[in-house]
């Protein structure tokens, strides 16, 4: 959160986060690997970088803390997602297999 922590303290965000987790209670990254794990984070699919329109209006996905602080951060910093699903297909949407 850091410099944008004030946005996460708003009632509007708290309602949005709660609605996301209630609607999609499992981590989407873990699900792609065939793992069932409760989500704790309503993650902005497109990083908002403090832009209010993206923060409040951008699409969200449910992630566990581990995936939010690991694979998601790696992906946002130019890396790829590691691992494959239960069929052995890479979970990284940018992987050539998924083209």
PDB file of N, CA and C in Angstrom:
ATOM      1  N   UNK A   1       0.830  -1.189   0.000  1.00  0.00           N
ATOM      2  CA  UNK A   1       0.000   0.000   0.000  1.00  0.00           C
ATOM      3  C   UNK A   1       0.872   1.250   0.000  1.00  0.00           C
ATOM      4  N   UNK A   2       1.647   1.460   1.032  1.00  0.00           N
ATOM      5  CA  UNK A   2       2.583   2.566   1.089  1.00  0.00           C
ATOM      6  C   UNK A   2       1.940   3.924   0.897  1.00  0.00           C
ATOM      7  N   UNK A   3       2.359   4.633  -0.147  1.00  0.00           N
ATOM      8  CA  UNK A   3       1.916   6.004  -0.363  1.00  0.00           C
ATOM      9  C   UNK A   3       0.431   6.128  -0.677  1.00  0.00           C
ATOM     10  N   UNK A   4      -0.224   5.035  -1.014  1.00  0.00           N
ATOM     11  CA  UNK A   4      -1.652   5.077  -1.333  1.00  0.00           C
ATOM     12  C   UNK A   4      -2.516   4.498  -0.212  1.00  0.00           C
ATOM     13  N   UNK A   5      -1.951   4.367   0.982  1.00  0.00           N
ATOM     14  CA  UNK A   5      -2.664   3.726   2.084  1.00  0.00           C
ATOM     15  C   UNK A   5      -3.951   4.461   2.459  1.00  0.00           C
ATOM     16  N   UNK A   6      -4.007   5.762   2.220  1.00  0.00           N
ATOM     17  CA  UNK A   6      -5.223   6.513   2.546  1.00  0.00           C
ATOM     18  C   UNK A   6      -6.429   6.015   1.738  1.00  0.00           C
ATOM     19  N   UNK A   7      -6.194   5.524   0.527  1.00  0.00           N
ATOM     20  CA  UNK A   7      -7.292   5.007  -0.293  1.00  0.00           C
ATOM     21  C   UNK A   7      -7.891   3.741   0.314  1.00  0.00           C
ATOM     22  N   UNK A   8      -7.044   2.912   0.909  1.00  0.00           N
ATOM     23  CA  UNK A   8      -7.502   1.651   1.488  1.00  0.00           C
ATOM     24  C   UNK A   8      -8.272   1.845   2.795  1.00  0.00           C
ATOM     25  N   UNK A   9      -8.215   3.043   3.359  1.00  0.00           N
ATOM     26  CA  UNK A   9      -8.918   3.328   4.619  1.00  0.00           C
ATOM     27  C   UNK A   9     -10.341   3.829   4.396  1.00  0.00           C
ATOM     28  N   UNK A  10     -10.732   4.052   3.149  1.00  0.00           N
ATOM     29  CA  UNK A  10     -12.058   4.612   2.879  1.00  0.00           C
ATOM     30  C   UNK A  10     -13.147   3.554   3.014  1.00  0.00           C
ATOM     31  N   UNK A  11     -14.342   4.015   3.372  1.00  0.00           N
ATOM     32  CA  UNK A  11     -15.497   3.115   3.492  1.00  0.00           C
ATOM     33  C   UNK A  11     -15.836   2.490   2.144  1.00  0.00           C
ATOM     34  N   UNK A  12     -15.684   3.270   1.067  1.00  0.00           N
ATOM     35  CA  UNK A  12     -15.991   2.746  -0.272  1.00  0.00           C
ATOM     36  C   UNK A  12     -15.092   1.557  -0.608  1.00  0.00           C
ATOM     37  N   UNK A  13     -13.775   1.681  -0.306  1.00  0.00           N
ATOM     38  CA  UNK A  13     -12.871   0.572  -0.582  1.00  0.00           C
ATOM     39  C   UNK A  13     -13.207  -0.639   0.277  1.00  0.00           C
ATOM     40  N   UNK A  14     -13.495  -0.414   1.538  1.00  0.00           N
ATOM     41  CA  UNK A  14     -13.813  -1.532   2.438  1.00  0.00           C
ATOM     42  C   UNK A  14     -15.040  -2.294   1.955  1.00  0.00           C
ATOM     43  N   UNK A  15     -16.048  -1.587   1.443  1.00  0.00           N
ATOM     44  CA  UNK A  15     -17.230  -2.252   0.875  1.00  0.00           C
ATOM     45  C   UNK A  15     -16.869  -3.035  -0.375  1.00  0.00           C
ATOM     46  N   UNK A  16     -16.059  -2.433  -1.242  1.00  0.00           N
ATOM     47  CA  UNK A  16     -15.647  -3.078  -2.494  1.00  0.00           C
ATOM     48  C   UNK A  16     -14.829  -4.338  -2.217  1.00  0.00           C
ATOM     49  N   UNK A  17     -13.903  -4.243  -1.274  1.00  0.00           N
ATOM     50  CA  UNK A  17     -13.069  -5.379  -0.915  1.00  0.00           C
ATOM     51  C   UNK A  17     -13.921  -6.520  -0.368  1.00  0.00           C
ATOM     52  N   UNK A  18     -14.825  -6.188   0.550  1.00  0.00           N
ATOM     53  CA  UNK A  18     -15.683  -7.203   1.149  1.00  0.00           C
ATOM     54  C   UNK A  18     -16.551  -7.880   0.087  1.00  0.00           C
ATOM     55  N   UNK A  19     -17.116  -7.100  -0.818  1.00  0.00           N
ATOM     56  CA  UNK A  19     -17.947  -7.666  -1.890  1.00  0.00           C
ATOM     57  C   UNK A  19     -17.132  -8.600  -2.782  1.00  0.00           C
ATOM     58  N   UNK A  20     -15.892  -8.228  -3.088  1.00  0.00           N
ATOM     59  CA  UNK A  20     -15.033  -9.064  -3.931  1.00  0.00           C
ATOM     60  C   UNK A  20     -14.742 -10.402  -3.269  1.00  0.00           C
ATOM     61  N   UNK A  21     -14.357 -10.367  -2.010  1.00  0.00           N
ATOM     62  CA  UNK A  21     -14.008 -11.600  -1.295  1.00  0.00           C
ATOM     63  C   UNK A  21     -15.242 -12.481  -1.087  1.00  0.00           C
ATOM     64  N   UNK A  22     -16.405 -11.877  -0.823  1.00  0.00           N
ATOM     65  CA  UNK A  22     -17.630 -12.665  -0.673  1.00  0.00           C
ATOM     66  C   UNK A  22     -18.034 -13.317  -1.995  1.00  0.00           C
ATOM     67  N   UNK A  23     -17.897 -12.591  -3.093  1.00  0.00           N
ATOM     68  CA  UNK A  23     -18.282 -13.115  -4.405  1.00  0.00           C
ATOM     69  C   UNK A  23     -17.299 -14.168  -4.914  1.00  0.00           C
ATOM     70  N   UNK A  24     -16.026 -13.999  -4.588  1.00  0.00           N
ATOM     71  CA  UNK A  24     -14.967 -14.898  -5.057  1.00  0.00           C
ATOM     72  C   UNK A  24     -14.032 -15.202  -3.893  1.00  0.00           C
ATOM     73  N   UNK A  25     -14.389 -16.152  -3.042  1.00  0.00           N
ATOM     74  CA  UNK A  25     -13.646 -16.370  -1.798  1.00  0.00           C
ATOM     75  C   UNK A  25     -12.336 -17.151  -1.940  1.00  0.00           C
ATOM     76  N   UNK A  26     -12.022 -17.646  -3.134  1.00  0.00           N
ATOM     77  CA  UNK A  26     -10.798 -18.428  -3.320  1.00  0.00           C
ATOM     78  C   UNK A  26      -9.764 -17.664  -4.134  1.00  0.00           C
ATOM     79  N   UNK A  27      -8.502 -17.903  -3.843  1.00  0.00           N
ATOM     80  CA  UNK A  27      -7.387 -17.284  -4.564  1.00  0.00           C
ATOM     81  C   UNK A  27      -7.362 -17.798  -6.009  1.00  0.00           C
ATOM     82  N   UNK A  28      -7.416 -16.873  -6.968  1.00  0.00           N
ATOM     83  CA  UNK A  28      -7.459 -17.281  -8.373  1.00  0.00           C
ATOM     84  C   UNK A  28      -6.119 -17.868  -8.837  1.00  0.00           C
ATOM     85  N   UNK A  29      -5.004 -17.412  -8.290  1.00  0.00           N
ATOM     86  CA  UNK A  29      -3.706 -17.972  -8.672  1.00  0.00           C
ATOM     87  C   UNK A  29      -3.586 -19.407  -8.156  1.00  0.00           C
ATOM     88  N   UNK A  30      -3.978 -19.634  -6.916  1.00  0.00           N
ATOM     89  CA  UNK A  30      -3.930 -20.986  -6.357  1.00  0.00           C
ATOM     90  C   UNK A  30      -4.867 -21.915  -7.126  1.00  0.00           C
ATOM     91  N   UNK A  31      -6.056 -21.428  -7.445  1.00  0.00           N
ATOM     92  CA  UNK A  31      -7.018 -22.240  -8.206  1.00  0.00           C
ATOM     93  C   UNK A  31      -6.425 -22.685  -9.531  1.00  0.00           C
ATOM     94  N   UNK A  32      -5.667 -21.795 -10.185  1.00  0.00           N
ATOM     95  CA  UNK A  32      -5.041 -22.146 -11.463  1.00  0.00           C
ATOM     96  C   UNK A  32      -4.053 -23.296 -11.308  1.00  0.00           C
ATOM     97  N   UNK A  33      -3.528 -23.468 -10.103  1.00  0.00           N
ATOM     98  CA  UNK A  33      -2.585 -24.557  -9.827  1.00  0.00           C
ATOM     99  C   UNK A  33      -3.284 -25.785  -9.252  1.00  0.00           C
ATOM    100  N   UNK A  34      -4.605 -25.719  -9.135  1.00  0.00           N
ATOM    101  CA  UNK A  34      -5.354 -26.841  -8.580  1.00  0.00           C
ATOM    102  C   UNK A  34      -5.363 -26.864  -7.065  1.00  0.00           C
ATOM    103  N   UNK A  35      -5.055 -25.733  -6.445  1.00  0.00           N
ATOM    104  CA  UNK A  35      -5.005 -25.617  -4.989  1.00  0.00           C
ATOM    105  C   UNK A  35      -6.208 -24.815  -4.528  1.00  0.00           C
ATOM    106  N   UNK A  36      -6.856 -25.258  -3.465  1.00  0.00           N
ATOM    107  CA  UNK A  36      -7.982 -24.521  -2.888  1.00  0.00           C
ATOM    108  C   UNK A  36      -7.461 -23.773  -1.668  1.00  0.00           C
ATOM    109  N   UNK A  37      -7.462 -22.434  -1.762  1.00  0.00           N
ATOM    110  CA  UNK A  37      -6.960 -21.609  -0.668  1.00  0.00           C
ATOM    111  C   UNK A  37      -7.810 -20.346  -0.573  1.00  0.00           C
ATOM    112  N   UNK A  38      -8.169 -19.983   0.636  1.00  0.00           N
ATOM    113  CA  UNK A  38      -9.002 -18.800   0.858  1.00  0.00           C
ATOM    114  C   UNK A  38      -8.257 -17.529   0.458  1.00  0.00           C
ATOM    115  N   UNK A  39      -8.977 -16.645  -0.186  1.00  0.00           N
ATOM    116  CA  UNK A  39      -8.433 -15.341  -0.555  1.00  0.00           C
ATOM    117  C   UNK A  39      -8.576 -14.387   0.613  1.00  0.00           C
ATOM    118  N   UNK A  40      -7.606 -13.525   0.775  1.00  0.00           N
ATOM    119  CA  UNK A  40      -7.636 -12.505   1.820  1.00  0.00           C
ATOM    120  C   UNK A  40      -7.472 -11.105   1.236  1.00  0.00           C
ATOM    121  N   UNK A  41      -7.094 -11.026  -0.050  1.00  0.00           N
ATOM    122  CA  UNK A  41      -6.773  -9.753  -0.677  1.00  0.00           C
ATOM    123  C   UNK A  41      -7.661  -9.543  -1.902  1.00  0.00           C
ATOM    124  N   UNK A  42      -8.263  -8.352  -1.995  1.00  0.00           N
ATOM    125  CA  UNK A  42      -8.942  -7.932  -3.218  1.00  0.00           C
ATOM    126  C   UNK A  42      -7.890  -7.150  -4.004  1.00  0.00           C
ATOM    127  N   UNK A  43      -7.354  -7.774  -5.031  1.00  0.00           N
ATOM    128  CA  UNK A  43      -6.225  -7.222  -5.773  1.00  0.00           C
ATOM    129  C   UNK A  43      -6.698  -6.510  -7.034  1.00  0.00           C
ATOM    130  N   UNK A  44      -6.117  -5.357  -7.303  1.00  0.00           N
ATOM    131  CA  UNK A  44      -6.379  -4.637  -8.550  1.00  0.00           C
ATOM    132  C   UNK A  44      -5.628  -5.350  -9.671  1.00  0.00           C
ATOM    133  N   UNK A  45      -6.354  -5.863 -10.645  1.00  0.00           N
ATOM    134  CA  UNK A  45      -5.723  -6.582 -11.757  1.00  0.00           C
ATOM    135  C   UNK A  45      -4.770  -5.652 -12.495  1.00  0.00           C
ATOM    136  N   UNK A  46      -5.216  -4.451 -12.789  1.00  0.00           N
ATOM    137  CA  UNK A  46      -4.351  -3.421 -13.379  1.00  0.00           C
ATOM    138  C   UNK A  46      -3.924  -2.514 -12.235  1.00  0.00           C
ATOM    139  N   UNK A  47      -2.613  -2.392 -11.997  1.00  0.00           N
ATOM    140  CA  UNK A  47      -2.150  -1.544 -10.896  1.00  0.00           C
ATOM    141  C   UNK A  47      -2.698  -0.125 -11.011  1.00  0.00           C
ATOM    142  N   UNK A  48      -3.218   0.414  -9.898  1.00  0.00           N
ATOM    143  CA  UNK A  48      -3.851   1.732  -9.932  1.00  0.00           C
ATOM    144  C   UNK A  48      -2.862   2.868  -9.781  1.00  0.00           C
ATOM    145  N   UNK A  49      -1.736   2.651  -9.141  1.00  0.00           N
ATOM    146  CA  UNK A  49      -0.694   3.660  -8.934  1.00  0.00           C
ATOM    147  C   UNK A  49      -1.259   4.976  -8.391  1.00  0.00           C
ATOM    148  N   UNK A  50      -2.334   4.865  -7.598  1.00  0.00           N
ATOM    149  CA  UNK A  50      -2.920   6.035  -6.952  1.00  0.00           C
ATOM    150  C   UNK A  50      -4.019   6.708  -7.751  1.00  0.00           C
ATOM    151  N   UNK A  51      -4.286   6.261  -8.961  1.00  0.00           N
ATOM    152  CA  UNK A  51      -5.352   6.851  -9.777  1.00  0.00           C
ATOM    153  C   UNK A  51      -6.709   6.408  -9.227  1.00  0.00           C
ATOM    154  N   UNK A  52      -7.511   7.368  -8.774  1.00  0.00           N
ATOM    155  CA  UNK A  52      -8.790   7.054  -8.129  1.00  0.00           C
ATOM    156  C   UNK A  52      -9.732   6.288  -9.049  1.00  0.00           C
ATOM    157  N   UNK A  53      -9.743   6.616 -10.348  1.00  0.00           N
ATOM    158  CA  UNK A  53     -10.652   5.915 -11.258  1.00  0.00           C
ATOM    159  C   UNK A  53     -10.305   4.433 -11.349  1.00  0.00           C
ATOM    160  N   UNK A  54      -9.025   4.098 -11.374  1.00  0.00           N
ATOM    161  CA  UNK A  54      -8.615   2.686 -11.384  1.00  0.00           C
ATOM    162  C   UNK A  54      -8.790   2.048 -10.011  1.00  0.00           C
ATOM    163  N   UNK A  55      -8.533   2.826  -8.969  1.00  0.00           N
ATOM    164  CA  UNK A  55      -8.640   2.280  -7.620  1.00  0.00           C
ATOM    165  C   UNK A  55     -10.064   1.851  -7.319  1.00  0.00           C
ATOM    166  N   UNK A  56     -11.014   2.724  -7.583  1.00  0.00           N
ATOM    167  CA  UNK A  56     -12.406   2.423  -7.259  1.00  0.00           C
ATOM    168  C   UNK A  56     -13.162   1.737  -8.392  1.00  0.00           C
ATOM    169  N   UNK A  57     -12.725   1.925  -9.630  1.00  0.00           N
ATOM    170  CA  UNK A  57     -13.469   1.381 -10.765  1.00  0.00           C
ATOM    171  C   UNK A  57     -12.787   0.241 -11.490  1.00  0.00           C
ATOM    172  N   UNK A  58     -11.538  -0.035 -11.158  1.00  0.00           N
ATOM    173  CA  UNK A  58     -10.811  -1.087 -11.851  1.00  0.00           C
ATOM    174  C   UNK A  58     -11.249  -2.484 -11.437  1.00  0.00           C
ATOM    175  N   UNK A  59     -11.010  -3.435 -12.316  1.00  0.00           N
ATOM    176  CA  UNK A  59     -11.367  -4.831 -12.039  1.00  0.00           C
ATOM    177  C   UNK A  59     -10.498  -5.390 -10.912  1.00  0.00           C
ATOM    178  N   UNK A  60     -11.126  -6.247 -10.105  1.00  0.00           N
ATOM    179  CA  UNK A  60     -10.441  -6.866  -8.971  1.00  0.00           C
ATOM    180  C   UNK A  60     -10.387  -8.381  -9.159  1.00  0.00           C
ATOM    181  N   UNK A  61      -9.437  -8.999  -8.467  1.00  0.00           N
ATOM    182  CA  UNK A  61      -9.370 -10.453  -8.373  1.00  0.00           C
ATOM    183  C   UNK A  61      -9.037 -10.809  -6.935  1.00  0.00           C
ATOM    184  N   UNK A  62      -9.461 -11.973  -6.514  1.00  0.00           N
ATOM    185  CA  UNK A  62      -9.218 -12.430  -5.149  1.00  0.00           C
ATOM    186  C   UNK A  62      -7.919 -13.221  -5.096  1.00  0.00           C
ATOM    187  N   UNK A  63      -7.040 -12.859  -4.168  1.00  0.00           N
ATOM    188  CA  UNK A  63      -5.760 -13.544  -3.995  1.00  0.00           C
ATOM    189  C   UNK A  63      -5.520 -13.838  -2.514  1.00  0.00           C
ATOM    190  N   UNK A  64      -4.719 -14.864  -2.246  1.00  0.00           N
ATOM    191  CA  UNK A  64      -4.236 -15.096  -0.885  1.00  0.00           C
ATOM    192  C   UNK A  64      -3.038 -14.168  -0.672  1.00  0.00           C
ATOM    193  N   UNK A  65      -2.624 -14.005   0.590  1.00  0.00           N
ATOM    194  CA  UNK A  65      -1.486 -13.127   0.888  1.00  0.00           C
ATOM    195  C   UNK A  65      -0.223 -13.595   0.179  1.00  0.00           C
ATOM    196  N   UNK A  66       0.000 -14.896   0.144  1.00  0.00           N
ATOM    197  CA  UNK A  66       1.217 -15.439  -0.464  1.00  0.00           C
ATOM    198  C   UNK A  66       1.299 -15.089  -1.942  1.00  0.00           C
ATOM    199  N   UNK A  67       0.215 -15.271  -2.667  1.00  0.00           N
ATOM    200  CA  UNK A  67       0.222 -14.971  -4.103  1.00  0.00           C
ATOM    201  C   UNK A  67       0.275 -13.466  -4.363  1.00  0.00           C
ATOM    202  N   UNK A  68      -0.358 -12.678  -3.495  1.00  0.00           N
ATOM    203  CA  UNK A  68      -0.335 -11.237  -3.690  1.00  0.00           C
ATOM    204  C   UNK A  68       1.064 -10.674  -3.481  1.00  0.00           C
ATOM    205  N   UNK A  69       1.785 -11.185  -2.502  1.00  0.00           N
ATOM    206  CA  UNK A  69       3.117 -10.643  -2.216  1.00  0.00           C
ATOM    207  C   UNK A  69       4.219 -11.347  -2.992  1.00  0.00           C
ATOM    208  N   UNK A  70       3.917 -12.439  -3.665  1.00  0.00           N
ATOM    209  CA  UNK A  70       4.928 -13.159  -4.436  1.00  0.00           C
ATOM    210  C   UNK A  70       4.690 -13.055  -5.931  1.00  0.00           C
ATOM    211  N   UNK A  71       3.944 -14.000  -6.500  1.00  0.00           N
ATOM    212  CA  UNK A  71       3.759 -14.023  -7.955  1.00  0.00           C
ATOM    213  C   UNK A  71       3.171 -12.731  -8.539  1.00  0.00           C
ATOM    214  N   UNK A  72       2.194 -12.139  -7.873  1.00  0.00           N
ATOM    215  CA  UNK A  72       1.576 -10.913  -8.418  1.00  0.00           C
ATOM    216  C   UNK A  72       2.595  -9.780  -8.479  1.00  0.00           C
ATOM    217  N   UNK A  73       3.412  -9.632  -7.431  1.00  0.00           N
ATOM    218  CA  UNK A  73       4.429  -8.578  -7.434  1.00  0.00           C
ATOM    219  C   UNK A  73       5.481  -8.833  -8.506  1.00  0.00           C
ATOM    220  N   UNK A  74       5.867 -10.092  -8.667  1.00  0.00           N
ATOM    221  CA  UNK A  74       6.837 -10.461  -9.708  1.00  0.00           C
ATOM    222  C   UNK A  74       6.280 -10.116 -11.083  1.00  0.00           C
ATOM    223  N   UNK A  75       5.013 -10.412 -11.298  1.00  0.00           N
ATOM    224  CA  UNK A  75       4.359 -10.117 -12.573  1.00  0.00           C
ATOM    225  C   UNK A  75       4.318  -8.605 -12.825  1.00  0.00           C
ATOM    226  N   UNK A  76       3.979  -7.826 -11.820  1.00  0.00           N
ATOM    227  CA  UNK A  76       3.916  -6.371 -11.975  1.00  0.00           C
ATOM    228  C   UNK A  76       5.291  -5.750 -12.208  1.00  0.00           C
ATOM    229  N   UNK A  77       6.331  -6.418 -11.773  1.00  0.00           N
ATOM    230  CA  UNK A  77       7.692  -5.905 -11.948  1.00  0.00           C
ATOM    231  C   UNK A  77       8.378  -6.480 -13.178  1.00  0.00           C
ATOM    232  N   UNK A  78       7.598  -6.992 -14.109  1.00  0.00           N
ATOM    233  CA  UNK A  78       8.147  -7.445 -15.377  1.00  0.00           C
ATOM    234  C   UNK A  78       8.514  -8.908 -15.448  1.00  0.00           C
ATOM    235  N   UNK A  79       8.314  -9.644 -14.386  1.00  0.00           N
ATOM    236  CA  UNK A  79       8.591 -11.079 -14.407  1.00  0.00           C
ATOM    237  C   UNK A  79       7.370 -11.848 -14.866  1.00  0.00           C
ATOM    238  N   UNK A  80       7.487 -13.136 -14.904  1.00  0.00           N
ATOM    239  CA  UNK A  80       6.365 -13.970 -15.298  1.00  0.00           C
ATOM    240  C   UNK A  80       5.854 -14.795 -14.142  1.00  0.00           C
ATOM    241  N   UNK A  81       4.708 -15.399 -14.345  1.00  0.00           N
ATOM    242  CA  UNK A  81       4.167 -16.316 -13.345  1.00  0.00           C
ATOM    243  C   UNK A  81       4.831 -17.664 -13.519  1.00  0.00           C
ATOM    244  N   UNK A  82       5.220 -18.267 -12.433  1.00  0.00           N
ATOM    245  CA  UNK A  82       5.854 -19.584 -12.480  1.00  0.00           C
ATOM    246  C   UNK A  82       4.826 -20.655 -12.178  1.00  0.00           C
ATOM    247  N   UNK A  83       5.059 -21.813 -12.745  1.00  0.00           N
ATOM    248  CA  UNK A  83       4.216 -22.951 -12.420  1.00  0.00           C
ATOM    249  C   UNK A  83       3.243 -23.297 -13.526  1.00  0.00           C
ATOM    250  N   UNK A  84       2.626 -24.448 -13.341  1.00  0.00           N
ATOM    251  CA  UNK A  84       1.652 -24.926 -14.306  1.00  0.00           C
ATOM    252  C   UNK A  84       0.408 -25.398 -13.595  1.00  0.00           C
ATOM    253  N   UNK A  85      -0.657 -25.529 -14.368  1.00  0.00           N
ATOM    254  CA  UNK A  85      -1.909 -26.003 -13.785  1.00  0.00           C
ATOM    255  C   UNK A  85      -1.881 -27.525 -13.658  1.00  0.00           C
ATOM    256  N   UNK A  86      -3.011 -28.106 -13.306  1.00  0.00           N
ATOM    257  CA  UNK A  86      -3.037 -29.553 -13.061  1.00  0.00           C
ATOM    258  C   UNK A  86      -2.770 -30.359 -14.325  1.00  0.00           C
ATOM    259  N   UNK A  87      -2.855 -29.713 -15.491  1.00  0.00           N
ATOM    260  CA  UNK A  87      -2.577 -30.393 -16.761  1.00  0.00           C
ATOM    261  C   UNK A  87      -1.158 -30.143 -17.255  1.00  0.00           C
ATOM    262  N   UNK A  88      -0.405 -29.375 -16.484  1.00  0.00           N
ATOM    263  CA  UNK A  88       0.974 -29.070 -16.858  1.00  0.00           C
ATOM    264  C   UNK A  88       1.119 -27.859 -17.757  1.00  0.00           C
ATOM    265  N   UNK A  89       0.029 -27.177 -18.042  1.00  0.00           N
ATOM    266  CA  UNK A  89       0.095 -25.989 -18.883  1.00  0.00           C
ATOM    267  C   UNK A  89       0.547 -24.798 -18.044  1.00  0.00           C
ATOM    268  N   UNK A  90       1.421 -23.940 -18.591  1.00  0.00           N
ATOM    269  CA  UNK A  90       1.898 -22.781 -17.833  1.00  0.00           C
ATOM    270  C   UNK A  90       0.750 -21.849 -17.462  1.00  0.00           C
ATOM    271  N   UNK A  91       0.788 -21.314 -16.238  1.00  0.00           N
ATOM    272  CA  UNK A  91      -0.272 -20.411 -15.800  1.00  0.00           C
ATOM    273  C   UNK A  91      -0.010 -18.963 -16.214  1.00  0.00           C
ATOM    274  N   UNK A  92       1.189 -18.660 -16.658  1.00  0.00           N
ATOM    275  CA  UNK A  92       1.514 -17.301 -17.092  1.00  0.00           C
ATOM    276  C   UNK A  92       0.811 -17.023 -18.427  1.00  0.00           C
ATOM    277  N   UNK A  93      -0.110 -16.050 -18.460  1.00  0.00           N
ATOM    278  CA  UNK A  93      -0.817 -15.780 -19.711  1.00  0.00           C
ATOM    279  C   UNK A  93       0.114 -15.315 -20.832  1.00  0.00           C
ATOM    280  N   UNK A  94       1.302 -14.795 -20.489  1.00  0.00           N
ATOM    281  CA  UNK A  94       2.239 -14.341 -21.503  1.00  0.00           C
ATOM    282  C   UNK A  94       3.149 -15.453 -22.020  1.00  0.00           C
ATOM    283  N   UNK A  95       3.052 -16.645 -21.454  1.00  0.00           N
ATOM    284  CA  UNK A  95       3.883 -17.760 -21.898  1.00  0.00           C
ATOM    285  C   UNK A  95       3.505 -18.127 -23.337  1.00  0.00           C
ATOM    286  N   UNK A  96       4.501 -18.437 -24.199  1.00  0.00           N
ATOM    287  CA  UNK A  96       4.205 -18.772 -25.602  1.00  0.00           C
ATOM    288  C   UNK A  96       3.169 -19.900 -25.757  1.00  0.00           C
ATOM    289  N   UNK A  97       3.134 -20.829 -24.821  1.00  0.00           N
ATOM    290  CA  UNK A  97       2.167 -21.932 -24.899  1.00  0.00           C
ATOM    291  C   UNK A  97       0.735 -21.390 -24.925  1.00  0.00           C
ATOM    292  N   UNK A  98       0.515 -20.279 -24.252  1.00  0.00           N
ATOM    293  CA  UNK A  98      -0.821 -19.712 -24.132  1.00  0.00           C
ATOM    294  C   UNK A  98      -1.165 -18.722 -25.235  1.00  0.00           C
ATOM    295  N   UNK A  99      -0.336 -18.650 -26.259  1.00  0.00           N
ATOM    296  CA  UNK A  99      -0.596 -17.705 -27.380  1.00  0.00           C
ATOM    297  C   UNK A  99      -1.553 -18.296 -28.376  1.00  0.00           C
TER     298      UNK A  99
END
